[in-house]
Amino acid sequence: MRSVLTLLILFILGSINVFAQDNYDPKKALSSEELFLRQSGDNRVIGAPGQKYLVLDASPVLGGFHRYRFFPGDNIKFRMKNETIKFNETIANVTDSAFSIAVINEALGQMTYQSIPLKEVKLVKTHRRIPFISQAATLLPLAGLIYIGADFFNKGIDNKRYTTDASTLVVGGAIMATGFICYKMTFSTLKINGRNKLKILETY
């Protein structure tokens, strides 16, 4: 019985290998550069001295001063002046006054580079992980809804369902508002101006 089970496992593994080879198309295979840009995780190119990188010094109303760093390989979300397109791309390279993004055209199977001058960037969307606050950004709005919903669907002191009172709405609304504040501290859309400055720095 054990030998039969072993043969069955070997047959299945061999079938998977053959199936994978049959479905491999060299024309659709991505280059090493495209694979690098597509893979998730920390792709920062910061090993060698003299590596230029993008810096956003932000002083928002909530959260105080913070410096955001974007290295080649990092993802950046931004919008340019006089445009409505929202970019969410990987930084391919950084120069003295601009950074470039790699745009992969799935239909044509090609990858092109677009240079973005710093002076043309209008907005940058940032994400800052703050202990407890980042978690509360998603949990508190849900908790507020559950609090109001529990009072609405359960019997209250008047022994009636589908009713609520002003105090419940105030408490639930306060919980949701706190979650919204935590969200704004975690996820910020920063306008590039005198308070929020975008510049290029270099490792040494």
C-alpha atoms as a PDB file:
ATOM      1  CA  MET A   1       0.000   0.000   0.000  1.00  0.00           C
ATOM      2  CA  ARG A   2       2.816   2.368   0.900  1.00  0.00           C
ATOM      3  CA  SER A   3       4.632   1.666  -2.394  1.00  0.00           C
ATOM      4  CA  VAL A   4       1.447   2.360  -4.370  1.00  0.00           C
ATOM      5  CA  LEU A   5       1.006   5.663  -2.547  1.00  0.00           C
ATOM      6  CA  THR A   6       4.626   6.617  -3.288  1.00  0.00           C
ATOM      7  CA  LEU A   7       4.192   5.845  -7.006  1.00  0.00           C
ATOM      8  CA  LEU A   8       0.994   7.887  -7.089  1.00  0.00           C
ATOM      9  CA  ILE A   9       2.739  10.920  -5.539  1.00  0.00           C
ATOM     10  CA  LEU A  10       5.658  10.617  -8.012  1.00  0.00           C
ATOM     11  CA  PHE A  11       3.195  10.409 -10.922  1.00  0.00           C
ATOM     12  CA  ILE A  12       1.348  13.555  -9.770  1.00  0.00           C
ATOM     13  CA  LEU A  13       4.598  15.510  -9.338  1.00  0.00           C
ATOM     14  CA  GLY A  14       5.777  14.421 -12.784  1.00  0.00           C
ATOM     15  CA  SER A  15       2.484  15.458 -14.347  1.00  0.00           C
ATOM     16  CA  ILE A  16       2.718  18.919 -12.772  1.00  0.00           C
ATOM     17  CA  ASN A  17       6.241  19.363 -14.152  1.00  0.00           C
ATOM     18  CA  VAL A  18       5.193  18.333 -17.689  1.00  0.00           C
ATOM     19  CA  PHE A  19       2.117  20.591 -17.519  1.00  0.00           C
ATOM     20  CA  ALA A  20       4.269  23.550 -16.502  1.00  0.00           C
ATOM     21  CA  GLN A  21       6.680  22.929 -19.385  1.00  0.00           C
ATOM     22  CA  ASP A  22       3.852  22.672 -21.893  1.00  0.00           C
ATOM     23  CA  ASN A  23       2.416  26.011 -20.788  1.00  0.00           C
ATOM     24  CA  TYR A  24       5.727  27.884 -20.836  1.00  0.00           C
ATOM     25  CA  ASP A  25       5.935  30.449 -23.603  1.00  0.00           C
ATOM     26  CA  PRO A  26       9.366  32.118 -24.038  1.00  0.00           C
ATOM     27  CA  LYS A  27       7.756  35.061 -25.827  1.00  0.00           C
ATOM     28  CA  LYS A  28       5.667  35.881 -22.754  1.00  0.00           C
ATOM     29  CA  ALA A  29       8.519  35.525 -20.268  1.00  0.00           C
ATOM     30  CA  LEU A  30       9.487  38.752 -18.521  1.00  0.00           C
ATOM     31  CA  SER A  31      13.017  40.037 -18.486  1.00  0.00           C
ATOM     32  CA  SER A  32      14.975  40.148 -15.233  1.00  0.00           C
ATOM     33  CA  GLU A  33      14.375  43.907 -15.051  1.00  0.00           C
ATOM     34  CA  GLU A  34      10.604  43.517 -15.395  1.00  0.00           C
ATOM     35  CA  LEU A  35      10.578  40.773 -12.778  1.00  0.00           C
ATOM     36  CA  PHE A  36      12.509  43.054 -10.432  1.00  0.00           C
ATOM     37  CA  LEU A  37       9.977  45.838 -10.882  1.00  0.00           C
ATOM     38  CA  ARG A  38       7.000  43.531 -10.443  1.00  0.00           C
ATOM     39  CA  GLN A  39       8.083  41.604  -7.387  1.00  0.00           C
ATOM     40  CA  SER A  40       6.707  42.721  -4.044  1.00  0.00           C
ATOM     41  CA  GLY A  41       8.686  43.436  -0.915  1.00  0.00           C
ATOM     42  CA  ASP A  42      11.661  45.681  -0.302  1.00  0.00           C
ATOM     43  CA  ASN A  43      13.320  46.415  -3.664  1.00  0.00           C
ATOM     44  CA  ARG A  44      15.362  49.385  -2.516  1.00  0.00           C
ATOM     45  CA  VAL A  45      18.635  49.982  -4.321  1.00  0.00           C
ATOM     46  CA  ILE A  46      20.610  51.540  -1.487  1.00  0.00           C
ATOM     47  CA  GLY A  47      23.727  49.405  -1.332  1.00  0.00           C
ATOM     48  CA  ALA A  48      26.253  51.641  -3.072  1.00  0.00           C
ATOM     49  CA  PRO A  49      27.348  55.152  -2.050  1.00  0.00           C
ATOM     50  CA  GLY A  50      26.258  57.912  -4.413  1.00  0.00           C
ATOM     51  CA  GLN A  51      22.767  56.490  -4.926  1.00  0.00           C
ATOM     52  CA  LYS A  52      20.277  59.307  -5.471  1.00  0.00           C
ATOM     53  CA  TYR A  53      16.863  58.986  -3.866  1.00  0.00           C
ATOM     54  CA  LEU A  54      13.678  60.989  -3.496  1.00  0.00           C
ATOM     55  CA  VAL A  55      12.820  62.747  -0.224  1.00  0.00           C
ATOM     56  CA  LEU A  56       9.535  64.303   0.860  1.00  0.00           C
ATOM     57  CA  ASP A  57       9.841  66.522   3.941  1.00  0.00           C
ATOM     58  CA  ALA A  58       6.285  66.886   5.181  1.00  0.00           C
ATOM     59  CA  SER A  59       4.822  69.085   7.920  1.00  0.00           C
ATOM     60  CA  PRO A  60       1.110  68.194   7.857  1.00  0.00           C
ATOM     61  CA  VAL A  61      -1.480  69.571  10.240  1.00  0.00           C
ATOM     62  CA  LEU A  62      -1.841  66.148  11.876  1.00  0.00           C
ATOM     63  CA  GLY A  63       1.165  64.085  12.890  1.00  0.00           C
ATOM     64  CA  GLY A  64       3.958  66.662  12.848  1.00  0.00           C
ATOM     65  CA  PHE A  65       7.107  66.672  10.705  1.00  0.00           C
ATOM     66  CA  HIS A  66       8.094  63.461   8.963  1.00  0.00           C
ATOM     67  CA  ARG A  67      10.562  62.587   6.222  1.00  0.00           C
ATOM     68  CA  TYR A  68       9.470  60.079   3.581  1.00  0.00           C
ATOM     69  CA  ARG A  69      12.203  58.413   1.523  1.00  0.00           C
ATOM     70  CA  PHE A  70      11.665  56.799  -1.902  1.00  0.00           C
ATOM     71  CA  PHE A  71      14.496  54.728  -3.391  1.00  0.00           C
ATOM     72  CA  PRO A  72      14.656  53.094  -6.824  1.00  0.00           C
ATOM     73  CA  GLY A  73      12.457  50.027  -6.541  1.00  0.00           C
ATOM     74  CA  ASP A  74       9.972  51.707  -4.185  1.00  0.00           C
ATOM     75  CA  ASN A  75       6.375  52.333  -5.142  1.00  0.00           C
ATOM     76  CA  ILE A  76       5.156  55.952  -5.302  1.00  0.00           C
ATOM     77  CA  LYS A  77       1.649  57.379  -5.675  1.00  0.00           C
ATOM     78  CA  PHE A  78       1.421  60.915  -7.059  1.00  0.00           C
ATOM     79  CA  ARG A  79      -0.359  63.344  -9.349  1.00  0.00           C
ATOM     80  CA  MET A  80       1.200  65.879 -11.698  1.00  0.00           C
ATOM     81  CA  LYS A  81       0.224  69.503 -12.219  1.00  0.00           C
ATOM     82  CA  ASN A  82      -2.551  70.210 -14.746  1.00  0.00           C
ATOM     83  CA  GLU A  83      -3.388  66.479 -14.916  1.00  0.00           C
ATOM     84  CA  THR A  84      -6.076  64.309 -13.362  1.00  0.00           C
ATOM     85  CA  ILE A  85      -4.243  61.001 -13.814  1.00  0.00           C
ATOM     86  CA  LYS A  86      -3.206  59.325 -10.563  1.00  0.00           C
ATOM     87  CA  PHE A  87       0.101  57.502 -10.885  1.00  0.00           C
ATOM     88  CA  ASN A  88       0.857  54.416  -8.806  1.00  0.00           C
ATOM     89  CA  GLU A  89       4.157  53.181 -10.185  1.00  0.00           C
ATOM     90  CA  THR A  90       7.617  51.886  -9.260  1.00  0.00           C
ATOM     91  CA  ILE A  91      10.571  54.275  -9.258  1.00  0.00           C
ATOM     92  CA  ALA A  92      13.098  53.055 -11.822  1.00  0.00           C
ATOM     93  CA  ASN A  93      15.756  55.764 -11.499  1.00  0.00           C
ATOM     94  CA  VAL A  94      16.458  59.084  -9.767  1.00  0.00           C
ATOM     95  CA  THR A  95      18.512  61.946 -11.250  1.00  0.00           C
ATOM     96  CA  ASP A  96      19.432  65.437 -10.028  1.00  0.00           C
ATOM     97  CA  SER A  97      16.034  66.984 -10.744  1.00  0.00           C
ATOM     98  CA  ALA A  98      13.674  64.163 -11.726  1.00  0.00           C
ATOM     99  CA  PHE A  99      12.756  60.540 -11.235  1.00  0.00           C
ATOM    100  CA  SER A 100      11.617  58.028 -13.802  1.00  0.00           C
ATOM    101  CA  ILE A 101       8.931  55.366 -13.605  1.00  0.00           C
ATOM    102  CA  ALA A 102       8.619  52.136 -15.557  1.00  0.00           C
ATOM    103  CA  VAL A 103       5.316  51.638 -17.340  1.00  0.00           C
ATOM    104  CA  ILE A 104       4.567  48.085 -18.523  1.00  0.00           C
ATOM    105  CA  ASN A 105       2.164  47.788 -21.450  1.00  0.00           C
ATOM    106  CA  GLU A 106       0.467  44.417 -21.011  1.00  0.00           C
ATOM    107  CA  ALA A 107      -1.107  44.451 -24.467  1.00  0.00           C
ATOM    108  CA  LEU A 108       2.133  45.131 -26.369  1.00  0.00           C
ATOM    109  CA  GLY A 109       4.427  43.334 -23.940  1.00  0.00           C
ATOM    110  CA  GLN A 110       6.726  46.356 -23.740  1.00  0.00           C
ATOM    111  CA  MET A 111       8.165  48.461 -20.944  1.00  0.00           C
ATOM    112  CA  THR A 112       8.873  52.168 -21.327  1.00  0.00           C
ATOM    113  CA  TYR A 113      10.274  54.803 -18.990  1.00  0.00           C
ATOM    114  CA  GLN A 114       8.706  58.169 -18.219  1.00  0.00           C
ATOM    115  CA  SER A 115      10.719  60.970 -16.634  1.00  0.00           C
ATOM    116  CA  ILE A 116       8.898  63.003 -13.965  1.00  0.00           C
ATOM    117  CA  PRO A 117      10.496  66.396 -13.118  1.00  0.00           C
ATOM    118  CA  LEU A 118      10.128  67.257  -9.437  1.00  0.00           C
ATOM    119  CA  LYS A 119       8.699  70.686 -10.270  1.00  0.00           C
ATOM    120  CA  GLU A 120       5.784  69.018 -12.100  1.00  0.00           C
ATOM    121  CA  VAL A 121       4.646  66.921  -9.124  1.00  0.00           C
ATOM    122  CA  LYS A 122       1.533  68.325  -7.460  1.00  0.00           C
ATOM    123  CA  LEU A 123       0.470  65.697  -4.902  1.00  0.00           C
ATOM    124  CA  VAL A 124       2.088  62.676  -3.264  1.00  0.00           C
ATOM    125  CA  LYS A 125       0.100  60.070  -1.348  1.00  0.00           C
ATOM    126  CA  THR A 126       2.017  58.654   1.599  1.00  0.00           C
ATOM    127  CA  HIS A 127       1.602  55.806   4.051  1.00  0.00           C
ATOM    128  CA  ARG A 128       3.106  55.985   7.516  1.00  0.00           C
ATOM    129  CA  ARG A 129       2.851  52.983   9.845  1.00  0.00           C
ATOM    130  CA  ILE A 130       2.246  54.268  13.379  1.00  0.00           C
ATOM    131  CA  PRO A 131       1.843  51.693  16.189  1.00  0.00           C
ATOM    132  CA  PHE A 132      -1.784  51.353  17.356  1.00  0.00           C
ATOM    133  CA  ILE A 133      -2.898  54.392  15.328  1.00  0.00           C
ATOM    134  CA  SER A 134      -2.560  52.625  11.967  1.00  0.00           C
ATOM    135  CA  GLN A 135      -4.543  49.652  13.264  1.00  0.00           C
ATOM    136  CA  ALA A 136      -7.185  51.964  14.754  1.00  0.00           C
ATOM    137  CA  ALA A 137      -7.650  53.649  11.363  1.00  0.00           C
ATOM    138  CA  THR A 138      -9.552  50.601  10.113  1.00  0.00           C
ATOM    139  CA  LEU A 139     -10.901  49.158  13.363  1.00  0.00           C
ATOM    140  CA  LEU A 140     -12.514  52.242  14.939  1.00  0.00           C
ATOM    141  CA  PRO A 141     -14.920  53.111  12.057  1.00  0.00           C
ATOM    142  CA  LEU A 142     -16.101  49.491  12.068  1.00  0.00           C
ATOM    143  CA  ALA A 143     -16.455  49.564  15.860  1.00  0.00           C
ATOM    144  CA  GLY A 144     -18.567  52.733  15.632  1.00  0.00           C
ATOM    145  CA  LEU A 145     -20.910  51.130  13.117  1.00  0.00           C
ATOM    146  CA  ILE A 146     -21.235  47.992  15.225  1.00  0.00           C
ATOM    147  CA  TYR A 147     -21.990  50.092  18.311  1.00  0.00           C
ATOM    148  CA  ILE A 148     -24.805  51.984  16.562  1.00  0.00           C
ATOM    149  CA  GLY A 149     -26.084  48.836  14.858  1.00  0.00           C
ATOM    150  CA  ALA A 150     -26.201  46.886  18.116  1.00  0.00           C
ATOM    151  CA  ASP A 151     -28.335  49.577  19.718  1.00  0.00           C
ATOM    152  CA  PHE A 152     -30.567  49.782  16.650  1.00  0.00           C
ATOM    153  CA  PHE A 153     -31.311  46.054  16.272  1.00  0.00           C
ATOM    154  CA  ASN A 154     -31.426  45.076  19.962  1.00  0.00           C
ATOM    155  CA  LYS A 155     -34.099  45.972  22.473  1.00  0.00           C
ATOM    156  CA  GLY A 156     -33.277  49.025  24.558  1.00  0.00           C
ATOM    157  CA  ILE A 157     -34.697  50.390  27.775  1.00  0.00           C
ATOM    158  CA  ASP A 158     -37.959  51.060  25.914  1.00  0.00           C
ATOM    159  CA  ASN A 159     -38.127  47.340  25.030  1.00  0.00           C
ATOM    160  CA  LYS A 160     -38.337  48.165  21.297  1.00  0.00           C
ATOM    161  CA  ARG A 161     -36.190  47.142  18.354  1.00  0.00           C
ATOM    162  CA  TYR A 162     -35.078  49.268  15.379  1.00  0.00           C
ATOM    163  CA  THR A 163     -34.775  52.419  17.474  1.00  0.00           C
ATOM    164  CA  THR A 164     -31.820  54.377  18.767  1.00  0.00           C
ATOM    165  CA  ASP A 165     -31.182  57.571  20.685  1.00  0.00           C
ATOM    166  CA  ALA A 166     -29.008  60.635  20.395  1.00  0.00           C
ATOM    167  CA  SER A 167     -26.433  59.459  22.948  1.00  0.00           C
ATOM    168  CA  THR A 168     -25.774  56.280  20.956  1.00  0.00           C
ATOM    169  CA  LEU A 169     -25.291  58.270  17.762  1.00  0.00           C
ATOM    170  CA  VAL A 170     -22.919  60.653  19.556  1.00  0.00           C
ATOM    171  CA  VAL A 171     -20.782  57.855  21.002  1.00  0.00           C
ATOM    172  CA  GLY A 172     -20.746  55.844  17.769  1.00  0.00           C
ATOM    173  CA  GLY A 173     -20.012  58.952  15.722  1.00  0.00           C
ATOM    174  CA  ALA A 174     -17.164  59.905  18.050  1.00  0.00           C
ATOM    175  CA  ILE A 175     -15.591  56.460  17.645  1.00  0.00           C
ATOM    176  CA  MET A 176     -15.857  56.723  13.851  1.00  0.00           C
ATOM    177  CA  ALA A 177     -14.449  60.269  13.854  1.00  0.00           C
ATOM    178  CA  THR A 178     -11.467  59.101  15.897  1.00  0.00           C
ATOM    179  CA  GLY A 179     -10.875  56.377  13.335  1.00  0.00           C
ATOM    180  CA  PHE A 180     -11.007  58.964  10.557  1.00  0.00           C
ATOM    181  CA  ILE A 181      -8.357  61.067  12.332  1.00  0.00           C
ATOM    182  CA  CYS A 182      -6.158  57.972  12.690  1.00  0.00           C
ATOM    183  CA  TYR A 183      -6.664  57.268   8.984  1.00  0.00           C
ATOM    184  CA  LYS A 184      -5.565  60.787   8.016  1.00  0.00           C
ATOM    185  CA  MET A 185      -2.445  60.398  10.162  1.00  0.00           C
ATOM    186  CA  THR A 186      -1.622  57.052   8.531  1.00  0.00           C
ATOM    187  CA  PHE A 187      -2.599  57.836   4.923  1.00  0.00           C
ATOM    188  CA  SER A 188      -1.918  61.398   3.816  1.00  0.00           C
ATOM    189  CA  THR A 189      -2.272  63.143   0.470  1.00  0.00           C
ATOM    190  CA  LEU A 190       0.351  65.869   0.639  1.00  0.00           C
ATOM    191  CA  LYS A 191       0.372  68.867  -1.667  1.00  0.00           C
ATOM    192  CA  ILE A 192       3.875  69.936  -2.669  1.00  0.00           C
ATOM    193  CA  ASN A 193       4.310  73.492  -1.374  1.00  0.00           C
ATOM    194  CA  GLY A 194       6.219  75.460   1.238  1.00  0.00           C
ATOM    195  CA  ARG A 195       5.224  73.026   3.995  1.00  0.00           C
ATOM    196  CA  ASN A 196       5.784  69.835   2.018  1.00  0.00           C
ATOM    197  CA  LYS A 197       8.984  69.869  -0.011  1.00  0.00           C
ATOM    198  CA  LEU A 198      10.117  67.300  -2.560  1.00  0.00           C
ATOM    199  CA  LYS A 199      13.861  67.035  -3.204  1.00  0.00           C
ATOM    200  CA  ILE A 200      16.724  64.734  -4.172  1.00  0.00           C
ATOM    201  CA  LEU A 201      19.349  63.467  -1.755  1.00  0.00           C
ATOM    202  CA  GLU A 202      22.291  61.099  -2.186  1.00  0.00           C
ATOM    203  CA  THR A 203      23.687  58.255  -0.092  1.00  0.00           C
ATOM    204  CA  TYR A 204      27.276  58.480   1.091  1.00  0.00           C
END
